[in-house]
Amino acid sequence: METDFVDLSGVGGLLGQAAGRTGAAVIDWLAARGAEWTAVVRIVAIYPAVCSPFAVGRALPYATIVVDHFRLVALANTAVSASPTMDCGVPFTCPLGRRPVRT
């Protein structure tokens, strides 16, 4: 597994790759770019992994961290689908008049 660094402004494309998906890999890759390069980074879009926001915050203290919304919605859908549901025995009927959905 690797961590990819991409310029989302459309100018730079793939900036580089770091081996692994750890906070240390992110910090090391950013540190290798140098202080002048990291000083101009203002917005970082991340995959919502556990290590990324901490590593980015440490390496780029002045950058705003945003989460890739596609991944965030996918994670939320997975969490909702995996959670237990309570069957009260009453079928759900869509308020738009579509066919009932079994619960």
N, C-alpha and C. Protein backbone atom coordinates (compact mmCIF):
# COMPACT_ATOMS: atom_id res chain seq x y z
N MET A 1 0.84 -1.17 0.00
CA MET A 1 0.00 0.00 0.00
C MET A 1 0.88 1.23 0.00
N GLU A 2 0.34 2.29 -0.56
CA GLU A 2 1.11 3.52 -0.65
C GLU A 2 0.21 4.72 -0.42
N THR A 3 0.83 5.85 -0.17
CA THR A 3 0.13 7.11 -0.03
C THR A 3 0.47 7.95 -1.25
N ASP A 4 -0.54 8.44 -1.94
CA ASP A 4 -0.34 9.26 -3.13
C ASP A 4 -0.56 10.72 -2.79
N PHE A 5 0.25 11.57 -3.38
CA PHE A 5 0.13 13.02 -3.21
C PHE A 5 -0.18 13.61 -4.58
N VAL A 6 -1.32 14.29 -4.68
CA VAL A 6 -1.81 14.77 -5.97
C VAL A 6 -2.13 16.25 -5.87
N ASP A 7 -1.81 16.99 -6.93
CA ASP A 7 -2.17 18.40 -7.02
C ASP A 7 -3.57 18.48 -7.61
N LEU A 8 -4.57 18.80 -6.78
CA LEU A 8 -5.96 18.85 -7.23
C LEU A 8 -6.30 20.13 -7.98
N SER A 9 -5.37 21.07 -8.04
CA SER A 9 -5.64 22.31 -8.77
C SER A 9 -5.59 22.07 -10.27
N GLY A 10 -5.11 20.91 -10.68
CA GLY A 10 -5.06 20.58 -12.10
C GLY A 10 -3.75 20.93 -12.76
N VAL A 11 -2.81 21.48 -12.01
CA VAL A 11 -1.55 21.91 -12.58
C VAL A 11 -0.48 20.83 -12.50
N GLY A 12 -0.34 20.22 -11.33
CA GLY A 12 0.78 19.33 -11.09
C GLY A 12 0.53 17.85 -11.24
N GLY A 13 -0.73 17.41 -11.24
CA GLY A 13 -1.02 15.98 -11.32
C GLY A 13 -0.48 15.23 -10.12
N LEU A 14 0.09 14.06 -10.36
CA LEU A 14 0.66 13.25 -9.30
C LEU A 14 1.98 13.87 -8.85
N LEU A 15 2.02 14.29 -7.60
CA LEU A 15 3.23 14.92 -7.07
C LEU A 15 4.24 13.90 -6.59
N GLY A 16 3.74 12.78 -6.06
CA GLY A 16 4.65 11.76 -5.58
C GLY A 16 3.91 10.68 -4.82
N GLN A 17 4.68 9.68 -4.39
CA GLN A 17 4.13 8.55 -3.65
C GLN A 17 5.07 8.22 -2.50
N ALA A 18 4.47 7.77 -1.40
CA ALA A 18 5.25 7.32 -0.26
C ALA A 18 4.84 5.90 0.08
N ALA A 19 5.80 5.07 0.40
CA ALA A 19 5.50 3.69 0.76
C ALA A 19 4.77 3.66 2.09
N GLY A 20 3.67 2.92 2.14
CA GLY A 20 2.91 2.77 3.37
C GLY A 20 1.81 3.80 3.52
N ARG A 21 0.97 3.56 4.50
CA ARG A 21 -0.14 4.48 4.80
C ARG A 21 -0.09 4.89 6.26
N THR A 22 1.08 5.31 6.67
CA THR A 22 1.25 5.70 8.06
C THR A 22 1.45 7.20 8.16
N GLY A 23 1.26 7.71 9.36
CA GLY A 23 1.53 9.12 9.59
C GLY A 23 2.98 9.46 9.32
N ALA A 24 3.87 8.55 9.67
CA ALA A 24 5.31 8.77 9.45
C ALA A 24 5.61 8.90 7.96
N ALA A 25 4.95 8.10 7.12
CA ALA A 25 5.17 8.18 5.68
C ALA A 25 4.75 9.54 5.14
N VAL A 26 3.62 10.04 5.64
CA VAL A 26 3.12 11.36 5.20
C VAL A 26 4.08 12.46 5.65
N ILE A 27 4.46 12.43 6.92
CA ILE A 27 5.36 13.45 7.46
C ILE A 27 6.71 13.43 6.75
N ASP A 28 7.27 12.24 6.54
CA ASP A 28 8.57 12.12 5.87
C ASP A 28 8.52 12.65 4.45
N TRP A 29 7.45 12.31 3.70
CA TRP A 29 7.34 12.77 2.32
C TRP A 29 7.23 14.29 2.26
N LEU A 30 6.40 14.85 3.13
CA LEU A 30 6.23 16.30 3.14
C LEU A 30 7.52 17.00 3.58
N ALA A 31 8.21 16.44 4.56
CA ALA A 31 9.47 17.03 5.04
C ALA A 31 10.53 17.02 3.93
N ALA A 32 10.51 16.00 3.10
CA ALA A 32 11.48 15.90 2.00
C ALA A 32 11.27 16.99 0.95
N ARG A 33 10.09 17.57 0.91
CA ARG A 33 9.82 18.65 -0.06
C ARG A 33 10.48 19.95 0.36
N GLY A 34 10.77 20.09 1.64
CA GLY A 34 11.42 21.30 2.14
C GLY A 34 10.44 22.31 2.69
N ALA A 35 10.96 23.19 3.52
CA ALA A 35 10.14 24.19 4.21
C ALA A 35 9.52 25.19 3.24
N GLU A 36 10.25 25.57 2.21
CA GLU A 36 9.72 26.55 1.24
C GLU A 36 8.50 25.98 0.50
N TRP A 37 8.56 24.70 0.13
CA TRP A 37 7.45 24.05 -0.58
C TRP A 37 6.25 23.89 0.34
N THR A 38 6.46 23.37 1.55
CA THR A 38 5.34 23.12 2.46
C THR A 38 4.71 24.42 2.97
N ALA A 39 5.47 25.52 2.97
CA ALA A 39 4.94 26.80 3.45
C ALA A 39 3.82 27.35 2.57
N VAL A 40 3.78 26.95 1.31
CA VAL A 40 2.75 27.50 0.40
C VAL A 40 1.52 26.60 0.29
N VAL A 41 1.55 25.45 0.91
CA VAL A 41 0.38 24.55 0.88
C VAL A 41 -0.68 25.10 1.83
N ARG A 42 -1.87 25.38 1.31
CA ARG A 42 -2.92 25.98 2.13
C ARG A 42 -4.11 25.07 2.36
N ILE A 43 -4.42 24.18 1.42
CA ILE A 43 -5.57 23.28 1.55
C ILE A 43 -5.11 21.87 1.23
N VAL A 44 -5.50 20.92 2.08
CA VAL A 44 -5.15 19.52 1.88
C VAL A 44 -6.43 18.69 1.94
N ALA A 45 -6.74 17.99 0.85
CA ALA A 45 -7.89 17.07 0.82
C ALA A 45 -7.35 15.68 1.14
N ILE A 46 -7.94 15.05 2.14
CA ILE A 46 -7.42 13.76 2.59
C ILE A 46 -8.46 12.66 2.46
N TYR A 47 -7.96 11.46 2.37
CA TYR A 47 -8.78 10.27 2.54
C TYR A 47 -8.96 10.13 4.05
N PRO A 48 -10.17 9.88 4.52
CA PRO A 48 -10.38 9.88 5.98
C PRO A 48 -9.79 8.67 6.70
N ALA A 49 -8.49 8.56 6.66
CA ALA A 49 -7.80 7.50 7.40
C ALA A 49 -7.41 8.08 8.76
N VAL A 50 -7.14 7.22 9.70
CA VAL A 50 -6.86 7.66 11.06
C VAL A 50 -5.59 8.50 11.12
N CYS A 51 -4.55 8.12 10.42
CA CYS A 51 -3.27 8.82 10.57
C CYS A 51 -3.20 10.12 9.78
N SER A 52 -3.91 10.25 8.70
CA SER A 52 -3.75 11.39 7.80
C SER A 52 -3.95 12.76 8.44
N PRO A 53 -5.07 13.02 9.14
CA PRO A 53 -5.24 14.38 9.65
C PRO A 53 -4.19 14.78 10.68
N PHE A 54 -3.76 13.85 11.49
CA PHE A 54 -2.73 14.16 12.49
C PHE A 54 -1.39 14.42 11.83
N ALA A 55 -1.04 13.58 10.86
CA ALA A 55 0.23 13.74 10.17
C ALA A 55 0.26 15.04 9.37
N VAL A 56 -0.81 15.31 8.65
CA VAL A 56 -0.87 16.54 7.85
C VAL A 56 -0.85 17.76 8.77
N GLY A 57 -1.60 17.70 9.85
CA GLY A 57 -1.62 18.81 10.79
C GLY A 57 -0.25 19.09 11.40
N ARG A 58 0.49 18.04 11.62
CA ARG A 58 1.84 18.19 12.18
C ARG A 58 2.82 18.74 11.15
N ALA A 59 2.72 18.24 9.93
CA ALA A 59 3.67 18.64 8.88
C ALA A 59 3.28 19.96 8.21
N LEU A 60 1.99 20.26 8.18
CA LEU A 60 1.49 21.47 7.54
C LEU A 60 0.56 22.22 8.50
N PRO A 61 1.10 22.85 9.53
CA PRO A 61 0.26 23.44 10.56
C PRO A 61 -0.63 24.59 10.08
N TYR A 62 -0.32 25.21 8.94
CA TYR A 62 -1.12 26.34 8.47
C TYR A 62 -2.11 25.94 7.37
N ALA A 63 -2.14 24.66 7.02
CA ALA A 63 -3.04 24.20 5.96
C ALA A 63 -4.41 23.85 6.55
N THR A 64 -5.44 24.07 5.75
CA THR A 64 -6.79 23.66 6.11
C THR A 64 -6.99 22.25 5.60
N ILE A 65 -7.47 21.36 6.46
CA ILE A 65 -7.68 19.97 6.08
C ILE A 65 -9.15 19.76 5.76
N VAL A 66 -9.42 19.23 4.57
CA VAL A 66 -10.78 18.88 4.17
C VAL A 66 -10.81 17.40 3.82
N VAL A 67 -11.99 16.80 3.94
CA VAL A 67 -12.11 15.37 3.67
C VAL A 67 -12.76 15.17 2.30
N ASP A 68 -12.24 14.22 1.56
CA ASP A 68 -12.81 13.83 0.27
C ASP A 68 -14.25 13.38 0.54
N HIS A 69 -15.25 14.16 0.08
CA HIS A 69 -16.65 13.88 0.43
C HIS A 69 -17.15 12.54 -0.10
N PHE A 70 -16.64 12.09 -1.24
CA PHE A 70 -17.06 10.80 -1.78
C PHE A 70 -16.72 9.68 -0.79
N ARG A 71 -15.51 9.71 -0.26
CA ARG A 71 -15.08 8.69 0.70
C ARG A 71 -15.85 8.81 2.00
N LEU A 72 -16.14 10.02 2.43
CA LEU A 72 -16.87 10.23 3.67
C LEU A 72 -18.29 9.66 3.58
N VAL A 73 -18.96 9.91 2.46
CA VAL A 73 -20.31 9.37 2.26
C VAL A 73 -20.26 7.85 2.18
N ALA A 74 -19.26 7.31 1.50
CA ALA A 74 -19.14 5.85 1.40
C ALA A 74 -18.93 5.22 2.79
N LEU A 75 -18.10 5.86 3.61
CA LEU A 75 -17.89 5.34 4.97
C LEU A 75 -19.17 5.42 5.79
N ALA A 76 -19.92 6.51 5.65
CA ALA A 76 -21.17 6.66 6.40
C ALA A 76 -22.18 5.60 5.95
N ASN A 77 -22.29 5.36 4.65
CA ASN A 77 -23.21 4.33 4.15
C ASN A 77 -22.83 2.95 4.66
N THR A 78 -21.55 2.66 4.71
CA THR A 78 -21.09 1.38 5.22
C THR A 78 -21.45 1.23 6.69
N ALA A 79 -21.26 2.29 7.46
CA ALA A 79 -21.57 2.24 8.89
C ALA A 79 -23.06 2.05 9.13
N VAL A 80 -23.89 2.74 8.36
CA VAL A 80 -25.34 2.60 8.52
C VAL A 80 -25.80 1.21 8.11
N SER A 81 -25.25 0.70 7.02
CA SER A 81 -25.63 -0.64 6.55
C SER A 81 -25.22 -1.72 7.53
N ALA A 82 -24.13 -1.50 8.24
CA ALA A 82 -23.63 -2.51 9.17
C ALA A 82 -24.31 -2.45 10.53
N SER A 83 -24.99 -1.36 10.82
CA SER A 83 -25.61 -1.24 12.14
C SER A 83 -26.90 -2.06 12.20
N PRO A 84 -27.19 -2.62 13.36
CA PRO A 84 -28.40 -3.43 13.48
C PRO A 84 -29.66 -2.57 13.34
N THR A 85 -30.69 -3.14 12.75
CA THR A 85 -31.96 -2.43 12.60
C THR A 85 -33.00 -3.07 13.50
N MET A 86 -33.97 -2.29 13.91
CA MET A 86 -35.03 -2.81 14.75
C MET A 86 -36.26 -3.04 13.88
N ASP A 87 -36.75 -4.25 13.87
CA ASP A 87 -37.93 -4.57 13.09
C ASP A 87 -39.15 -4.45 14.00
N CYS A 88 -39.95 -3.41 13.74
CA CYS A 88 -41.12 -3.19 14.59
C CYS A 88 -42.36 -3.88 14.00
N GLY A 89 -42.20 -4.53 12.85
CA GLY A 89 -43.32 -5.25 12.25
C GLY A 89 -44.22 -4.40 11.39
N VAL A 90 -43.95 -3.11 11.29
CA VAL A 90 -44.77 -2.22 10.47
C VAL A 90 -44.00 -1.92 9.19
N PRO A 91 -44.58 -2.25 8.01
CA PRO A 91 -43.86 -1.97 6.77
C PRO A 91 -43.76 -0.47 6.52
N PHE A 92 -42.67 -0.07 5.96
CA PHE A 92 -42.45 1.33 5.62
C PHE A 92 -43.06 1.61 4.27
N THR A 93 -43.83 2.68 4.16
CA THR A 93 -44.40 3.11 2.90
C THR A 93 -43.79 4.44 2.52
N CYS A 94 -43.30 4.51 1.33
CA CYS A 94 -42.65 5.74 0.85
C CYS A 94 -43.69 6.85 0.74
N PRO A 95 -43.42 8.04 1.25
CA PRO A 95 -44.37 9.14 1.18
C PRO A 95 -44.59 9.64 -0.25
N LEU A 96 -43.74 9.24 -1.19
CA LEU A 96 -43.91 9.66 -2.57
C LEU A 96 -44.82 8.72 -3.36
N GLY A 97 -45.42 7.75 -2.70
CA GLY A 97 -46.35 6.85 -3.35
C GLY A 97 -45.71 5.64 -4.03
N ARG A 98 -44.43 5.46 -3.80
CA ARG A 98 -43.79 4.28 -4.40
C ARG A 98 -44.13 3.06 -3.58
N ARG A 99 -43.82 1.91 -4.09
CA ARG A 99 -44.16 0.65 -3.40
C ARG A 99 -43.50 0.56 -2.04
N PRO A 100 -44.12 -0.12 -1.12
CA PRO A 100 -43.57 -0.25 0.24
C PRO A 100 -42.24 -0.97 0.24
N VAL A 101 -41.41 -0.60 1.18
CA VAL A 101 -40.10 -1.22 1.37
C VAL A 101 -40.17 -2.04 2.64
N ARG A 102 -39.74 -3.29 2.58
CA ARG A 102 -39.75 -4.13 3.78
C ARG A 102 -38.64 -3.71 4.70
N THR A 103 -38.92 -3.70 5.97
CA THR A 103 -37.90 -3.35 6.95
C THR A 103 -37.38 -4.59 7.63
